Amino acid sequence: MPKMKTHKGAAKRFTFTGTGKPMQAQGRRGHFRRRKAIRLLQQLDRSQPVHSANERMVRTALPYGVKHAR
């Protein structure tokens, strides 16, 4: 059986918690930051869990992600 390949684009966007839950960074931080409230930008800094509908897709793209979670 050959090795499964990690999707490198997904590897840059998703991380796993110690319990194996996939996390993602929030959007809406790319531009127009000056007009957004500082409190909102601080909230957007935090990572959020991946929606359950997309979780299977993330796990197939990152087959070794849970194994190497820290």
C-alpha atoms as a PDB file:
ATOM      1  CA  MET A   1       0.000   0.000   0.000  1.00  0.00           C
ATOM      2  CA  PRO A   2       1.568   3.345  -0.959  1.00  0.00           C
ATOM      3  CA  LYS A   3       1.796   6.256   1.398  1.00  0.00           C
ATOM      4  CA  MET A   4      -1.121   8.681   1.501  1.00  0.00           C
ATOM      5  CA  LYS A   5      -0.217  12.199   0.480  1.00  0.00           C
ATOM      6  CA  THR A   6      -0.931  15.297   2.524  1.00  0.00           C
ATOM      7  CA  HIS A   7      -2.708  18.105   0.691  1.00  0.00           C
ATOM      8  CA  LYS A   8      -0.226  20.926   1.207  1.00  0.00           C
ATOM      9  CA  GLY A   9      -2.797  23.707   0.743  1.00  0.00           C
ATOM     10  CA  ALA A  10      -4.934  22.193   3.484  1.00  0.00           C
ATOM     11  CA  ALA A  11      -1.907  21.666   5.715  1.00  0.00           C
ATOM     12  CA  LYS A  12      -1.272  25.414   5.706  1.00  0.00           C
ATOM     13  CA  ARG A  13      -4.883  26.236   6.597  1.00  0.00           C
ATOM     14  CA  PHE A  14      -5.882  23.649   9.188  1.00  0.00           C
ATOM     15  CA  THR A  15      -4.377  22.474  12.464  1.00  0.00           C
ATOM     16  CA  PHE A  16      -5.427  19.819  14.945  1.00  0.00           C
ATOM     17  CA  THR A  17      -5.879  20.150  18.676  1.00  0.00           C
ATOM     18  CA  GLY A  18      -4.410  17.648  21.078  1.00  0.00           C
ATOM     19  CA  THR A  19      -7.707  15.761  21.139  1.00  0.00           C
ATOM     20  CA  GLY A  20      -7.756  15.569  17.328  1.00  0.00           C
ATOM     21  CA  LYS A  21     -10.332  18.245  16.558  1.00  0.00           C
ATOM     22  CA  PRO A  22      -9.558  20.126  13.303  1.00  0.00           C
ATOM     23  CA  MET A  23      -9.302  23.896  13.685  1.00  0.00           C
ATOM     24  CA  GLN A  24      -9.245  26.664  11.078  1.00  0.00           C
ATOM     25  CA  ALA A  25      -8.434  30.354  11.030  1.00  0.00           C
ATOM     26  CA  GLN A  26     -11.318  32.725  10.482  1.00  0.00           C
ATOM     27  CA  GLY A  27     -11.647  34.873   7.415  1.00  0.00           C
ATOM     28  CA  ARG A  28     -12.441  38.588   7.006  1.00  0.00           C
ATOM     29  CA  ARG A  29      -8.959  39.729   8.029  1.00  0.00           C
ATOM     30  CA  GLY A  30      -7.459  40.213   4.602  1.00  0.00           C
ATOM     31  CA  HIS A  31      -8.115  43.873   3.951  1.00  0.00           C
ATOM     32  CA  PHE A  32     -10.090  46.910   5.180  1.00  0.00           C
ATOM     33  CA  ARG A  33      -8.678  46.375   8.635  1.00  0.00           C
ATOM     34  CA  ARG A  34      -8.677  50.048   9.548  1.00  0.00           C
ATOM     35  CA  ARG A  35     -12.445  50.293   9.494  1.00  0.00           C
ATOM     36  CA  LYS A  36     -12.989  47.170  11.589  1.00  0.00           C
ATOM     37  CA  ALA A  37     -13.175  47.367  15.364  1.00  0.00           C
ATOM     38  CA  ILE A  38     -10.093  46.240  17.257  1.00  0.00           C
ATOM     39  CA  ARG A  39     -12.230  43.923  19.343  1.00  0.00           C
ATOM     40  CA  LEU A  40     -13.534  42.232  16.176  1.00  0.00           C
ATOM     41  CA  LEU A  41     -10.016  41.799  14.821  1.00  0.00           C
ATOM     42  CA  GLN A  42      -8.945  40.206  18.099  1.00  0.00           C
ATOM     43  CA  GLN A  43     -11.874  37.799  17.883  1.00  0.00           C
ATOM     44  CA  LEU A  44     -10.980  36.917  14.298  1.00  0.00           C
ATOM     45  CA  ASP A  45      -7.425  36.092  15.414  1.00  0.00           C
ATOM     46  CA  ARG A  46      -8.643  33.003  17.237  1.00  0.00           C
ATOM     47  CA  SER A  47      -8.994  29.736  15.412  1.00  0.00           C
ATOM     48  CA  GLN A  48     -12.368  28.040  15.243  1.00  0.00           C
ATOM     49  CA  PRO A  49     -13.341  24.388  14.952  1.00  0.00           C
ATOM     50  CA  VAL A  50     -14.102  23.167  11.454  1.00  0.00           C
ATOM     51  CA  HIS A  51     -17.807  22.720  10.715  1.00  0.00           C
ATOM     52  CA  SER A  52     -18.955  19.127  11.044  1.00  0.00           C
ATOM     53  CA  ALA A  53     -20.062  19.057   7.380  1.00  0.00           C
ATOM     54  CA  ASN A  54     -16.490  19.813   6.258  1.00  0.00           C
ATOM     55  CA  GLU A  55     -14.665  17.730   8.848  1.00  0.00           C
ATOM     56  CA  ARG A  56     -14.516  14.576   6.720  1.00  0.00           C
ATOM     57  CA  MET A  57     -13.021  16.498   3.804  1.00  0.00           C
ATOM     58  CA  VAL A  58     -10.312  17.963   6.046  1.00  0.00           C
ATOM     59  CA  ARG A  59      -9.433  14.574   7.504  1.00  0.00           C
ATOM     60  CA  THR A  60      -9.018  13.011   4.063  1.00  0.00           C
ATOM     61  CA  ALA A  61      -6.840  15.921   2.920  1.00  0.00           C
ATOM     62  CA  LEU A  62      -4.677  15.582   6.041  1.00  0.00           C
ATOM     63  CA  PRO A  63      -4.394  11.847   6.703  1.00  0.00           C
ATOM     64  CA  TYR A  64      -1.517  12.239   9.177  1.00  0.00           C
ATOM     65  CA  GLY A  65      -2.751  15.411  10.848  1.00  0.00           C
ATOM     66  CA  VAL A  66      -4.224  13.820  13.931  1.00  0.00           C
ATOM     67  CA  LYS A  67      -1.213  11.588  14.450  1.00  0.00           C
ATOM     68  CA  HIS A  68       1.156  14.553  14.631  1.00  0.00           C
ATOM     69  CA  ALA A  69      -1.092  16.914  16.604  1.00  0.00           C
ATOM     70  CA  ARG A  70       0.614  18.579  19.562  1.00  0.00           C
END
